[in-house]
Amino acid sequence: MKLPVIRHFQKNHSEEALEHTIEVLESFSEHRSATETDLDVIGELITNLCGAIEVKQMIADGQSERDAANAFAKKVLGSIDQ
């Protein structure tokens, strides 16, 4: 997870575009020629894209951009610690 990447995606793309990109990456990851390295990169991208969608939703619910991004980062880091 890279917060600057999440912020970039969140600011520059619609939720629909982000969701479509996730679908494309998931489809690619299912192809038999996808290597472990490809899957690692795709996983990182999907994580960032999903984060951007979640941050967008938090902002739409009234949080500031900074608070939404920080809340998402804490949520992810908290789930890793468990």
PDB file of N, CA and C in Angstrom:
ATOM      1  N   MET A   1       0.843  -1.166   0.000  1.00  0.00           N
ATOM      2  CA  MET A   1       0.000   0.000   0.000  1.00  0.00           C
ATOM      3  C   MET A   1       0.897   1.241   0.000  1.00  0.00           C
ATOM      4  N   LYS A   2       0.599   2.130  -0.936  1.00  0.00           N
ATOM      5  CA  LYS A   2       1.351   3.378  -1.024  1.00  0.00           C
ATOM      6  C   LYS A   2       0.360   4.531  -1.023  1.00  0.00           C
ATOM      7  N   LEU A   3       0.348   5.258   0.075  1.00  0.00           N
ATOM      8  CA  LEU A   3      -0.613   6.341   0.250  1.00  0.00           C
ATOM      9  C   LEU A   3      -0.525   7.410  -0.844  1.00  0.00           C
ATOM     10  N   PRO A   4       0.675   7.811  -1.295  1.00  0.00           N
ATOM     11  CA  PRO A   4       0.714   8.797  -2.383  1.00  0.00           C
ATOM     12  C   PRO A   4       0.059   8.282  -3.674  1.00  0.00           C
ATOM     13  N   VAL A   5       0.209   7.002  -3.952  1.00  0.00           N
ATOM     14  CA  VAL A   5      -0.421   6.412  -5.139  1.00  0.00           C
ATOM     15  C   VAL A   5      -1.935   6.398  -4.963  1.00  0.00           C
ATOM     16  N   ILE A   6      -2.392   6.024  -3.776  1.00  0.00           N
ATOM     17  CA  ILE A   6      -3.822   6.009  -3.490  1.00  0.00           C
ATOM     18  C   ILE A   6      -4.403   7.409  -3.663  1.00  0.00           C
ATOM     19  N   ARG A   7      -3.728   8.405  -3.141  1.00  0.00           N
ATOM     20  CA  ARG A   7      -4.201   9.789  -3.286  1.00  0.00           C
ATOM     21  C   ARG A   7      -4.258  10.214  -4.751  1.00  0.00           C
ATOM     22  N   HIS A   8      -3.243   9.817  -5.510  1.00  0.00           N
ATOM     23  CA  HIS A   8      -3.219  10.157  -6.938  1.00  0.00           C
ATOM     24  C   HIS A   8      -4.409   9.526  -7.658  1.00  0.00           C
ATOM     25  N   PHE A   9      -4.634   8.233  -7.439  1.00  0.00           N
ATOM     26  CA  PHE A   9      -5.771   7.547  -8.060  1.00  0.00           C
ATOM     27  C   PHE A   9      -7.081   8.200  -7.641  1.00  0.00           C
ATOM     28  N   GLN A  10      -7.220   8.490  -6.362  1.00  0.00           N
ATOM     29  CA  GLN A  10      -8.461   9.041  -5.810  1.00  0.00           C
ATOM     30  C   GLN A  10      -8.771  10.407  -6.417  1.00  0.00           C
ATOM     31  N   LYS A  11      -7.744  11.214  -6.606  1.00  0.00           N
ATOM     32  CA  LYS A  11      -7.950  12.572  -7.121  1.00  0.00           C
ATOM     33  C   LYS A  11      -8.202  12.600  -8.621  1.00  0.00           C
ATOM     34  N   ASN A  12      -7.620  11.678  -9.364  1.00  0.00           N
ATOM     35  CA  ASN A  12      -7.588  11.788 -10.814  1.00  0.00           C
ATOM     36  C   ASN A  12      -8.498  10.832 -11.574  1.00  0.00           C
ATOM     37  N   HIS A  13      -9.241   9.979 -10.860  1.00  0.00           N
ATOM     38  CA  HIS A  13     -10.059   8.987 -11.562  1.00  0.00           C
ATOM     39  C   HIS A  13     -11.400   8.802 -10.856  1.00  0.00           C
ATOM     40  N   SER A  14     -12.406   8.524 -11.641  1.00  0.00           N
ATOM     41  CA  SER A  14     -13.730   8.271 -11.076  1.00  0.00           C
ATOM     42  C   SER A  14     -13.755   6.883 -10.430  1.00  0.00           C
ATOM     43  N   GLU A  15     -14.719   6.695  -9.553  1.00  0.00           N
ATOM     44  CA  GLU A  15     -14.877   5.390  -8.903  1.00  0.00           C
ATOM     45  C   GLU A  15     -15.128   4.306  -9.954  1.00  0.00           C
ATOM     46  N   GLU A  16     -15.898   4.624 -10.973  1.00  0.00           N
ATOM     47  CA  GLU A  16     -16.203   3.653 -12.034  1.00  0.00           C
ATOM     48  C   GLU A  16     -14.935   3.243 -12.784  1.00  0.00           C
ATOM     49  N   ALA A  17     -14.072   4.211 -13.067  1.00  0.00           N
ATOM     50  CA  ALA A  17     -12.820   3.909 -13.761  1.00  0.00           C
ATOM     51  C   ALA A  17     -11.925   3.028 -12.900  1.00  0.00           C
ATOM     52  N   LEU A  18     -11.877   3.319 -11.610  1.00  0.00           N
ATOM     53  CA  LEU A  18     -11.066   2.512 -10.704  1.00  0.00           C
ATOM     54  C   LEU A  18     -11.593   1.078 -10.635  1.00  0.00           C
ATOM     55  N   GLU A  19     -12.910   0.940 -10.547  1.00  0.00           N
ATOM     56  CA  GLU A  19     -13.513  -0.396 -10.494  1.00  0.00           C
ATOM     57  C   GLU A  19     -13.256  -1.169 -11.780  1.00  0.00           C
ATOM     58  N   HIS A  20     -13.340  -0.495 -12.911  1.00  0.00           N
ATOM     59  CA  HIS A  20     -13.075  -1.153 -14.193  1.00  0.00           C
ATOM     60  C   HIS A  20     -11.618  -1.626 -14.259  1.00  0.00           C
ATOM     61  N   THR A  21     -10.713  -0.795 -13.796  1.00  0.00           N
ATOM     62  CA  THR A  21      -9.292  -1.157 -13.800  1.00  0.00           C
ATOM     63  C   THR A  21      -9.050  -2.378 -12.927  1.00  0.00           C
ATOM     64  N   ILE A  22      -9.699  -2.445 -11.792  1.00  0.00           N
ATOM     65  CA  ILE A  22      -9.569  -3.613 -10.913  1.00  0.00           C
ATOM     66  C   ILE A  22     -10.044  -4.863 -11.639  1.00  0.00           C
ATOM     67  N   GLU A  23     -11.167  -4.755 -12.337  1.00  0.00           N
ATOM     68  CA  GLU A  23     -11.693  -5.905 -13.087  1.00  0.00           C
ATOM     69  C   GLU A  23     -10.686  -6.386 -14.129  1.00  0.00           C
ATOM     70  N   VAL A  24     -10.071  -5.455 -14.839  1.00  0.00           N
ATOM     71  CA  VAL A  24      -9.083  -5.813 -15.863  1.00  0.00           C
ATOM     72  C   VAL A  24      -7.879  -6.506 -15.223  1.00  0.00           C
ATOM     73  N   LEU A  25      -7.386  -5.954 -14.122  1.00  0.00           N
ATOM     74  CA  LEU A  25      -6.229  -6.557 -13.451  1.00  0.00           C
ATOM     75  C   LEU A  25      -6.560  -7.942 -12.910  1.00  0.00           C
ATOM     76  N   GLU A  26      -7.759  -8.102 -12.352  1.00  0.00           N
ATOM     77  CA  GLU A  26      -8.158  -9.423 -11.860  1.00  0.00           C
ATOM     78  C   GLU A  26      -8.224 -10.422 -13.006  1.00  0.00           C
ATOM     79  N   SER A  27      -8.744 -10.006 -14.139  1.00  0.00           N
ATOM     80  CA  SER A  27      -8.817 -10.882 -15.303  1.00  0.00           C
ATOM     81  C   SER A  27      -7.418 -11.278 -15.768  1.00  0.00           C
ATOM     82  N   PHE A  28      -6.520 -10.298 -15.832  1.00  0.00           N
ATOM     83  CA  PHE A  28      -5.147 -10.592 -16.234  1.00  0.00           C
ATOM     84  C   PHE A  28      -4.491 -11.588 -15.277  1.00  0.00           C
ATOM     85  N   SER A  29      -4.748 -11.416 -13.985  1.00  0.00           N
ATOM     86  CA  SER A  29      -4.106 -12.287 -12.994  1.00  0.00           C
ATOM     87  C   SER A  29      -4.558 -13.742 -13.130  1.00  0.00           C
ATOM     88  N   GLU A  30      -5.707 -13.968 -13.747  1.00  0.00           N
ATOM     89  CA  GLU A  30      -6.223 -15.322 -13.928  1.00  0.00           C
ATOM     90  C   GLU A  30      -5.643 -16.014 -15.156  1.00  0.00           C
ATOM     91  N   HIS A  31      -4.937 -15.274 -15.989  1.00  0.00           N
ATOM     92  CA  HIS A  31      -4.358 -15.867 -17.195  1.00  0.00           C
ATOM     93  C   HIS A  31      -3.190 -16.764 -16.827  1.00  0.00           C
ATOM     94  N   ARG A  32      -3.061 -17.850 -17.531  1.00  0.00           N
ATOM     95  CA  ARG A  32      -2.040 -18.848 -17.188  1.00  0.00           C
ATOM     96  C   ARG A  32      -0.611 -18.350 -17.357  1.00  0.00           C
ATOM     97  N   SER A  33      -0.408 -17.305 -18.149  1.00  0.00           N
ATOM     98  CA  SER A  33       0.956 -16.814 -18.347  1.00  0.00           C
ATOM     99  C   SER A  33       1.408 -15.831 -17.273  1.00  0.00           C
ATOM    100  N   ALA A  34       0.531 -15.456 -16.362  1.00  0.00           N
ATOM    101  CA  ALA A  34       0.894 -14.502 -15.309  1.00  0.00           C
ATOM    102  C   ALA A  34       1.894 -15.159 -14.354  1.00  0.00           C
ATOM    103  N   THR A  35       3.023 -14.498 -14.172  1.00  0.00           N
ATOM    104  CA  THR A  35       4.073 -15.024 -13.293  1.00  0.00           C
ATOM    105  C   THR A  35       3.833 -14.569 -11.857  1.00  0.00           C
ATOM    106  N   GLU A  36       4.609 -15.113 -10.941  1.00  0.00           N
ATOM    107  CA  GLU A  36       4.508 -14.691  -9.544  1.00  0.00           C
ATOM    108  C   GLU A  36       4.840 -13.211  -9.395  1.00  0.00           C
ATOM    109  N   THR A  37       5.807 -12.739 -10.141  1.00  0.00           N
ATOM    110  CA  THR A  37       6.156 -11.321 -10.104  1.00  0.00           C
ATOM    111  C   THR A  37       4.989 -10.472 -10.599  1.00  0.00           C
ATOM    112  N   ASP A  38       4.368 -10.907 -11.702  1.00  0.00           N
ATOM    113  CA  ASP A  38       3.185 -10.206 -12.205  1.00  0.00           C
ATOM    114  C   ASP A  38       2.104 -10.145 -11.136  1.00  0.00           C
ATOM    115  N   LEU A  39       1.867 -11.264 -10.478  1.00  0.00           N
ATOM    116  CA  LEU A  39       0.818 -11.335  -9.467  1.00  0.00           C
ATOM    117  C   LEU A  39       1.118 -10.439  -8.277  1.00  0.00           C
ATOM    118  N   ASP A  40       2.385 -10.337  -7.906  1.00  0.00           N
ATOM    119  CA  ASP A  40       2.766  -9.430  -6.813  1.00  0.00           C
ATOM    120  C   ASP A  40       2.467  -7.977  -7.184  1.00  0.00           C
ATOM    121  N   VAL A  41       2.825  -7.601  -8.397  1.00  0.00           N
ATOM    122  CA  VAL A  41       2.590  -6.227  -8.862  1.00  0.00           C
ATOM    123  C   VAL A  41       1.093  -5.959  -8.972  1.00  0.00           C
ATOM    124  N   ILE A  42       0.365  -6.903  -9.533  1.00  0.00           N
ATOM    125  CA  ILE A  42      -1.082  -6.750  -9.674  1.00  0.00           C
ATOM    126  C   ILE A  42      -1.735  -6.626  -8.294  1.00  0.00           C
ATOM    127  N   GLY A  43      -1.301  -7.439  -7.352  1.00  0.00           N
ATOM    128  CA  GLY A  43      -1.845  -7.358  -5.996  1.00  0.00           C
ATOM    129  C   GLY A  43      -1.626  -5.995  -5.372  1.00  0.00           C
ATOM    130  N   GLU A  44      -0.448  -5.441  -5.556  1.00  0.00           N
ATOM    131  CA  GLU A  44      -0.143  -4.105  -5.025  1.00  0.00           C
ATOM    132  C   GLU A  44      -1.017  -3.048  -5.699  1.00  0.00           C
ATOM    133  N   LEU A  45      -1.178  -3.155  -7.005  1.00  0.00           N
ATOM    134  CA  LEU A  45      -2.017  -2.199  -7.724  1.00  0.00           C
ATOM    135  C   LEU A  45      -3.477  -2.295  -7.284  1.00  0.00           C
ATOM    136  N   ILE A  46      -3.977  -3.506  -7.153  1.00  0.00           N
ATOM    137  CA  ILE A  46      -5.371  -3.679  -6.731  1.00  0.00           C
ATOM    138  C   ILE A  46      -5.572  -3.117  -5.322  1.00  0.00           C
ATOM    139  N   THR A  47      -4.616  -3.343  -4.439  1.00  0.00           N
ATOM    140  CA  THR A  47      -4.705  -2.786  -3.092  1.00  0.00           C
ATOM    141  C   THR A  47      -4.801  -1.261  -3.136  1.00  0.00           C
ATOM    142  N   ASN A  48      -3.956  -0.640  -3.946  1.00  0.00           N
ATOM    143  CA  ASN A  48      -3.977   0.817  -4.066  1.00  0.00           C
ATOM    144  C   ASN A  48      -5.270   1.318  -4.697  1.00  0.00           C
ATOM    145  N   LEU A  49      -5.767   0.616  -5.698  1.00  0.00           N
ATOM    146  CA  LEU A  49      -7.016   1.011  -6.350  1.00  0.00           C
ATOM    147  C   LEU A  49      -8.199   0.877  -5.397  1.00  0.00           C
ATOM    148  N   CYS A  50      -8.253  -0.220  -4.660  1.00  0.00           N
ATOM    149  CA  CYS A  50      -9.336  -0.403  -3.673  1.00  0.00           C
ATOM    150  C   CYS A  50      -9.242   0.664  -2.584  1.00  0.00           C
ATOM    151  N   GLY A  51      -8.024   0.999  -2.189  1.00  0.00           N
ATOM    152  CA  GLY A  51      -7.824   2.061  -1.207  1.00  0.00           C
ATOM    153  C   GLY A  51      -8.339   3.392  -1.722  1.00  0.00           C
ATOM    154  N   ALA A  52      -8.087   3.670  -2.994  1.00  0.00           N
ATOM    155  CA  ALA A  52      -8.565   4.922  -3.586  1.00  0.00           C
ATOM    156  C   ALA A  52     -10.086   4.984  -3.582  1.00  0.00           C
ATOM    157  N   ILE A  53     -10.722   3.865  -3.877  1.00  0.00           N
ATOM    158  CA  ILE A  53     -12.188   3.815  -3.853  1.00  0.00           C
ATOM    159  C   ILE A  53     -12.702   4.058  -2.443  1.00  0.00           C
ATOM    160  N   GLU A  54     -12.078   3.405  -1.472  1.00  0.00           N
ATOM    161  CA  GLU A  54     -12.520   3.568  -0.087  1.00  0.00           C
ATOM    162  C   GLU A  54     -12.309   5.004   0.405  1.00  0.00           C
ATOM    163  N   VAL A  55     -11.181   5.597   0.058  1.00  0.00           N
ATOM    164  CA  VAL A  55     -10.913   6.983   0.450  1.00  0.00           C
ATOM    165  C   VAL A  55     -11.925   7.917  -0.209  1.00  0.00           C
ATOM    166  N   LYS A  56     -12.234   7.686  -1.486  1.00  0.00           N
ATOM    167  CA  LYS A  56     -13.259   8.485  -2.171  1.00  0.00           C
ATOM    168  C   LYS A  56     -14.588   8.414  -1.434  1.00  0.00           C
ATOM    169  N   GLN A  57     -14.958   7.217  -0.988  1.00  0.00           N
ATOM    170  CA  GLN A  57     -16.222   7.038  -0.283  1.00  0.00           C
ATOM    171  C   GLN A  57     -16.215   7.762   1.065  1.00  0.00           C
ATOM    172  N   MET A  58     -15.084   7.720   1.771  1.00  0.00           N
ATOM    173  CA  MET A  58     -14.979   8.431   3.044  1.00  0.00           C
ATOM    174  C   MET A  58     -15.099   9.938   2.841  1.00  0.00           C
ATOM    175  N   ILE A  59     -14.502  10.443   1.771  1.00  0.00           N
ATOM    176  CA  ILE A  59     -14.588  11.872   1.465  1.00  0.00           C
ATOM    177  C   ILE A  59     -16.033  12.239   1.131  1.00  0.00           C
ATOM    178  N   ALA A  60     -16.694  11.380   0.371  1.00  0.00           N
ATOM    179  CA  ALA A  60     -18.102  11.623   0.031  1.00  0.00           C
ATOM    180  C   ALA A  60     -18.982  11.621   1.278  1.00  0.00           C
ATOM    181  N   ASP A  61     -18.559  10.870   2.308  1.00  0.00           N
ATOM    182  CA  ASP A  61     -19.309  10.814   3.564  1.00  0.00           C
ATOM    183  C   ASP A  61     -19.003  12.000   4.474  1.00  0.00           C
ATOM    184  N   GLY A  62     -18.102  12.891   4.040  1.00  0.00           N
ATOM    185  CA  GLY A  62     -17.866  14.110   4.792  1.00  0.00           C
ATOM    186  C   GLY A  62     -16.499  14.271   5.435  1.00  0.00           C
ATOM    187  N   GLN A  63     -15.643  13.269   5.331  1.00  0.00           N
ATOM    188  CA  GLN A  63     -14.301  13.424   5.914  1.00  0.00           C
ATOM    189  C   GLN A  63     -13.440  14.273   4.993  1.00  0.00           C
ATOM    190  N   SER A  64     -12.444  14.916   5.578  1.00  0.00           N
ATOM    191  CA  SER A  64     -11.486  15.645   4.750  1.00  0.00           C
ATOM    192  C   SER A  64     -10.606  14.625   4.032  1.00  0.00           C
ATOM    193  N   GLU A  65      -9.982  15.072   2.961  1.00  0.00           N
ATOM    194  CA  GLU A  65      -9.117  14.173   2.191  1.00  0.00           C
ATOM    195  C   GLU A  65      -8.006  13.592   3.070  1.00  0.00           C
ATOM    196  N   ARG A  66      -7.406  14.446   3.860  1.00  0.00           N
ATOM    197  CA  ARG A  66      -6.301  14.011   4.719  1.00  0.00           C
ATOM    198  C   ARG A  66      -6.782  13.010   5.770  1.00  0.00           C
ATOM    199  N   ASP A  67      -7.904  13.307   6.427  1.00  0.00           N
ATOM    200  CA  ASP A  67      -8.440  12.396   7.451  1.00  0.00           C
ATOM    201  C   ASP A  67      -8.840  11.060   6.853  1.00  0.00           C
ATOM    202  N   ALA A  68      -9.429  11.092   5.657  1.00  0.00           N
ATOM    203  CA  ALA A  68      -9.840   9.850   5.001  1.00  0.00           C
ATOM    204  C   ALA A  68      -8.623   8.992   4.664  1.00  0.00           C
ATOM    205  N   ALA A  69      -7.589   9.602   4.130  1.00  0.00           N
ATOM    206  CA  ALA A  69      -6.373   8.857   3.777  1.00  0.00           C
ATOM    207  C   ALA A  69      -5.712   8.286   5.028  1.00  0.00           C
ATOM    208  N   ASN A  70      -5.631   9.078   6.088  1.00  0.00           N
ATOM    209  CA  ASN A  70      -5.032   8.593   7.330  1.00  0.00           C
ATOM    210  C   ASN A  70      -5.858   7.479   7.963  1.00  0.00           C
ATOM    211  N   ALA A  71      -7.175   7.606   7.913  1.00  0.00           N
ATOM    212  CA  ALA A  71      -8.048   6.569   8.469  1.00  0.00           C
ATOM    213  C   ALA A  71      -7.876   5.261   7.701  1.00  0.00           C
ATOM    214  N   PHE A  72      -7.767   5.359   6.383  1.00  0.00           N
ATOM    215  CA  PHE A  72      -7.560   4.152   5.582  1.00  0.00           C
ATOM    216  C   PHE A  72      -6.220   3.503   5.921  1.00  0.00           C
ATOM    217  N   ALA A  73      -5.169   4.307   6.016  1.00  0.00           N
ATOM    218  CA  ALA A  73      -3.845   3.756   6.336  1.00  0.00           C
ATOM    219  C   ALA A  73      -3.851   3.069   7.696  1.00  0.00           C
ATOM    220  N   LYS A  74      -4.489   3.684   8.681  1.00  0.00           N
ATOM    221  CA  LYS A  74      -4.577   3.074  10.017  1.00  0.00           C
ATOM    222  C   LYS A  74      -5.358   1.771   9.969  1.00  0.00           C
ATOM    223  N   LYS A  75      -6.416   1.753   9.172  1.00  0.00           N
ATOM    224  CA  LYS A  75      -7.232   0.543   9.047  1.00  0.00           C
ATOM    225  C   LYS A  75      -6.396  -0.606   8.467  1.00  0.00           C
ATOM    226  N   VAL A  76      -5.658  -0.314   7.421  1.00  0.00           N
ATOM    227  CA  VAL A  76      -4.828  -1.349   6.780  1.00  0.00           C
ATOM    228  C   VAL A  76      -3.732  -1.812   7.724  1.00  0.00           C
ATOM    229  N   LEU A  77      -3.038  -0.868   8.327  1.00  0.00           N
ATOM    230  CA  LEU A  77      -1.962  -1.240   9.253  1.00  0.00           C
ATOM    231  C   LEU A  77      -2.505  -1.995  10.465  1.00  0.00           C
ATOM    232  N   GLY A  78      -3.684  -1.629  10.935  1.00  0.00           N
ATOM    233  CA  GLY A  78      -4.307  -2.328  12.045  1.00  0.00           C
ATOM    234  C   GLY A  78      -4.657  -3.750  11.690  1.00  0.00           C
ATOM    235  N   SER A  79      -5.093  -3.997  10.453  1.00  0.00           N
ATOM    236  CA  SER A  79      -5.443  -5.358  10.046  1.00  0.00           C
ATOM    237  C   SER A  79      -4.201  -6.212   9.863  1.00  0.00           C
ATOM    238  N   ILE A  80      -3.083  -5.596   9.515  1.00  0.00           N
ATOM    239  CA  ILE A  80      -1.821  -6.332   9.368  1.00  0.00           C
ATOM    240  C   ILE A  80      -1.306  -6.769  10.742  1.00  0.00           C
ATOM    241  N   ASP A  81      -1.477  -5.923  11.742  1.00  0.00           N
ATOM    242  CA  ASP A  81      -0.981  -6.219  13.085  1.00  0.00           C
ATOM    243  C   ASP A  81      -1.733  -7.365  13.756  1.00  0.00           C
ATOM    244  N   GLN A  82      -2.943  -7.633  13.310  1.00  0.00           N
ATOM    245  CA  GLN A  82      -3.768  -8.653  13.984  1.00  0.00           C
ATOM    246  C   GLN A  82      -3.337 -10.039  13.672  1.00  0.00           C
TER     247      GLN A  82
END
